[in-house]
Amino acid sequence: MPFLTSPVLATGTLARRPQPTLPTGDGLLLRPWRAEDAPAVYAAMQDPVMQQWHLRSADSVAEVAGWIEQWQTYWAAERSAQWAVVHEATDELLGRMALRQLLLGDGYAEIAYWTVAQARGRGVAARAATALSRWALDEIGFHRLELLHAAANEASCRVAVKAGFALEGTKRSALLHPDGWHDMHLHARIRGD
């Protein structure tokens, strides 16, 4: 049975091109992950704040190296798109940005991110999320980007709002963290916002 609408984005939209490096225009760069990023990611994952809001921990640099290898393959598979957020001049790792849950035919993806402890409070996540959103919506042609965070994570709520993601509601008891079930705020940006 044929669909009544055409896909928003065709299969191959991402895979047929190399993963880009995305400048924010104000000193940050989103670049593809490199194997040599593993020690910095491992160190970031040891931060108690990271462990409070994220569901994954890292037991070794070798384990993180395996994650990076996976992240590098996800682009060609159009499974997700993962970037290191770095200082443009020094290449110091400041965080991660990702498009997850890619549904190209629906023109949908979810933005996910984290920042290292020393980058927090400096606007890094909001600036990187804004740059990634502009690229995904305006250049690639996604229609909708969602951003979910634990409702108790006020810092992530501020990031979402600063990056232009409107709060649409609360998903009650939506994600299990080590300390129990968390309500999740749902924010979104639509092409043309």
Protein backbone atom coordinates (compact mmCIF):
# COMPACT_ATOMS: atom_id res chain seq x y z
CA MET A 1 0.00 0.00 0.00
CA PRO A 2 1.57 3.35 -0.99
CA PHE A 3 2.03 6.19 1.46
CA LEU A 4 0.04 9.36 0.86
CA THR A 5 3.05 11.59 1.62
CA SER A 6 6.64 11.58 0.46
CA PRO A 7 9.52 11.18 2.93
CA VAL A 8 10.68 14.47 4.41
CA LEU A 9 14.30 13.29 4.04
CA ALA A 10 15.35 10.42 1.83
CA THR A 11 17.48 7.53 2.99
CA GLY A 12 21.08 8.52 2.27
CA THR A 13 20.60 12.21 3.08
CA LEU A 14 23.36 12.00 5.69
CA ALA A 15 25.30 8.92 4.57
CA ARG A 16 26.10 10.17 1.09
CA ARG A 17 28.16 13.06 2.48
CA PRO A 18 30.98 13.18 5.01
CA GLN A 19 30.02 14.23 8.51
CA PRO A 20 30.60 17.99 8.66
CA THR A 21 32.43 20.13 11.16
CA LEU A 22 30.06 22.84 12.38
CA PRO A 23 31.38 26.16 13.73
CA THR A 24 29.19 28.06 16.16
CA GLY A 25 30.65 31.38 14.99
CA ASP A 26 31.74 32.32 18.49
CA GLY A 27 34.74 30.13 19.29
CA LEU A 28 33.25 26.65 19.48
CA LEU A 29 33.40 23.84 16.94
CA LEU A 30 31.32 20.70 16.60
CA ARG A 31 33.57 18.11 14.97
CA PRO A 32 33.41 14.35 14.43
CA TRP A 33 34.83 12.28 17.26
CA ARG A 34 38.43 11.05 17.14
CA ALA A 35 40.01 8.06 18.87
CA GLU A 36 42.27 10.39 20.84
CA ASP A 37 39.18 11.94 22.52
CA ALA A 38 38.66 8.79 24.65
CA PRO A 39 40.66 9.91 27.75
CA ALA A 40 38.81 13.25 27.92
CA VAL A 41 35.41 11.56 27.54
CA TYR A 42 36.33 9.03 30.22
CA ALA A 43 37.32 11.87 32.58
CA ALA A 44 34.05 13.70 31.86
CA MET A 45 32.02 10.58 32.67
CA GLN A 46 33.56 10.44 36.18
CA ASP A 47 31.88 13.74 37.12
CA PRO A 48 29.08 13.25 39.72
CA VAL A 49 26.83 15.75 37.90
CA MET A 50 27.20 13.73 34.69
CA GLN A 51 26.34 10.56 36.58
CA GLN A 52 23.28 12.23 38.11
CA TRP A 53 21.64 13.08 34.77
CA HIS A 54 22.97 10.45 32.38
CA LEU A 55 22.21 6.77 32.31
CA ARG A 56 25.62 5.52 31.29
CA SER A 57 28.89 5.26 33.15
CA ALA A 58 32.39 4.51 31.89
CA ASP A 59 34.66 1.98 33.54
CA SER A 60 37.76 2.57 31.40
CA VAL A 61 39.31 4.59 28.62
CA ALA A 62 39.17 1.43 26.49
CA GLU A 63 35.41 1.23 26.97
CA VAL A 64 35.03 4.86 25.87
CA ALA A 65 37.25 4.17 22.85
CA GLY A 66 34.68 1.53 21.86
CA TRP A 67 31.88 4.08 22.17
CA ILE A 68 33.76 6.46 19.90
CA GLU A 69 34.25 3.72 17.32
CA GLN A 70 30.49 3.11 17.40
CA TRP A 71 29.71 6.82 17.15
CA GLN A 72 31.92 7.04 14.08
CA THR A 73 29.97 4.26 12.32
CA TYR A 74 26.54 5.66 13.17
CA TRP A 75 26.79 8.47 10.60
CA ALA A 76 27.06 6.12 7.59
CA ALA A 77 24.29 3.93 9.03
CA GLU A 78 22.13 7.04 9.61
CA ARG A 79 21.48 5.72 13.10
CA SER A 80 22.63 8.89 14.87
CA ALA A 81 25.07 11.74 14.41
CA GLN A 82 27.56 12.48 17.18
CA TRP A 83 29.91 15.44 17.56
CA ALA A 84 32.60 16.49 20.00
CA VAL A 85 32.14 20.11 21.09
CA VAL A 86 35.59 21.68 21.30
CA HIS A 87 37.22 25.06 21.74
CA GLU A 88 37.95 26.20 18.19
CA ALA A 89 41.47 27.45 18.90
CA THR A 90 42.73 24.74 21.26
CA ASP A 91 40.59 21.66 20.41
CA GLU A 92 39.92 21.24 24.16
CA LEU A 93 36.91 18.95 24.67
CA LEU A 94 33.99 20.87 26.16
CA GLY A 95 31.11 18.48 25.51
CA ARG A 96 29.05 16.34 23.18
CA MET A 97 26.18 17.07 20.83
CA ALA A 98 24.13 14.42 19.08
CA LEU A 99 21.15 13.84 16.87
CA ARG A 100 19.55 10.61 18.06
CA GLN A 101 16.41 8.66 17.22
CA LEU A 102 16.75 9.67 13.56
CA LEU A 103 13.57 9.20 11.54
CA LEU A 104 14.59 10.65 8.20
CA GLY A 105 11.30 9.90 6.48
CA ASP A 106 9.46 11.83 9.18
CA GLY A 107 12.06 14.61 9.27
CA TYR A 108 12.55 14.00 13.02
CA ALA A 109 15.50 13.72 15.39
CA GLU A 110 16.22 14.20 19.08
CA ILE A 111 19.04 16.44 20.30
CA ALA A 112 21.17 15.13 23.16
CA TYR A 113 24.17 16.72 24.82
CA TRP A 114 26.46 16.96 27.78
CA THR A 115 29.25 19.30 28.83
CA VAL A 116 32.38 18.77 30.88
CA ALA A 117 32.38 20.33 34.35
CA GLN A 118 34.65 23.27 33.46
CA ALA A 119 32.43 24.23 30.50
CA ARG A 120 29.20 24.55 32.51
CA GLY A 121 27.74 28.00 33.02
CA ARG A 122 29.54 29.38 29.95
CA GLY A 123 26.74 28.87 27.41
CA VAL A 124 28.57 26.02 25.67
CA ALA A 125 25.60 23.64 25.45
CA ALA A 126 23.15 26.32 24.28
CA ARG A 127 25.53 27.69 21.63
CA ALA A 128 26.35 24.21 20.32
CA ALA A 129 22.67 23.15 20.32
CA THR A 130 21.77 26.31 18.40
CA ALA A 131 24.44 25.64 15.76
CA LEU A 132 23.43 21.98 15.41
CA SER A 133 19.74 22.90 15.18
CA ARG A 134 20.33 25.49 12.46
CA TRP A 135 22.33 22.97 10.44
CA ALA A 136 19.79 20.15 10.90
CA LEU A 137 16.70 22.26 10.22
CA ASP A 138 17.92 24.79 7.66
CA GLU A 139 20.64 22.97 5.75
CA ILE A 140 19.64 19.31 5.96
CA GLY A 141 15.89 19.84 6.08
CA PHE A 142 14.71 18.12 9.25
CA HIS A 143 11.22 19.29 10.18
CA ARG A 144 11.20 18.71 13.95
CA LEU A 145 13.89 18.41 16.61
CA GLU A 146 13.03 17.39 20.14
CA LEU A 147 15.06 17.86 23.30
CA LEU A 148 14.21 15.87 26.43
CA HIS A 149 15.67 16.38 29.90
CA ALA A 150 14.78 15.40 33.44
CA ALA A 151 12.30 17.95 34.76
CA ALA A 152 14.47 18.38 37.85
CA ASN A 153 17.49 19.32 35.71
CA GLU A 154 16.98 23.09 35.69
CA ALA A 155 20.28 23.76 33.91
CA SER A 156 19.18 21.64 30.93
CA CYS A 157 15.85 23.47 30.86
CA ARG A 158 17.75 26.78 30.56
CA VAL A 159 19.88 25.32 27.73
CA ALA A 160 16.79 24.22 25.82
CA VAL A 161 15.11 27.61 26.10
CA LYS A 162 18.29 29.54 25.16
CA ALA A 163 18.70 27.28 22.11
CA GLY A 164 15.18 28.10 20.92
CA PHE A 165 13.41 24.90 21.99
CA ALA A 166 9.87 25.66 23.18
CA LEU A 167 8.63 23.73 26.19
CA GLU A 168 5.75 21.56 25.00
CA GLY A 169 4.99 19.52 28.09
CA THR A 170 6.01 16.96 30.65
CA LYS A 171 6.27 13.23 30.06
CA ARG A 172 5.37 11.82 33.45
CA SER A 173 7.58 9.11 34.94
CA ALA A 174 9.23 8.65 31.57
CA LEU A 175 12.84 7.66 32.27
CA LEU A 176 14.38 5.43 34.91
CA HIS A 177 17.51 6.86 36.55
CA PRO A 178 19.51 5.17 39.33
CA ASP A 179 17.51 7.21 41.88
CA GLY A 180 14.10 6.28 40.42
CA TRP A 181 11.67 7.38 37.71
CA HIS A 182 12.01 10.93 36.40
CA ASP A 183 9.47 13.15 34.72
CA MET A 184 10.94 14.50 31.49
CA HIS A 185 10.40 17.93 29.96
CA LEU A 186 9.74 17.83 26.22
CA HIS A 187 11.03 20.80 24.21
CA ALA A 188 10.97 21.14 20.42
CA ARG A 189 12.09 23.30 17.52
CA ILE A 190 10.27 23.17 14.22
CA ARG A 191 11.71 24.21 10.88
CA GLY A 192 10.90 27.89 10.48
CA ASP A 193 10.89 28.69 14.23
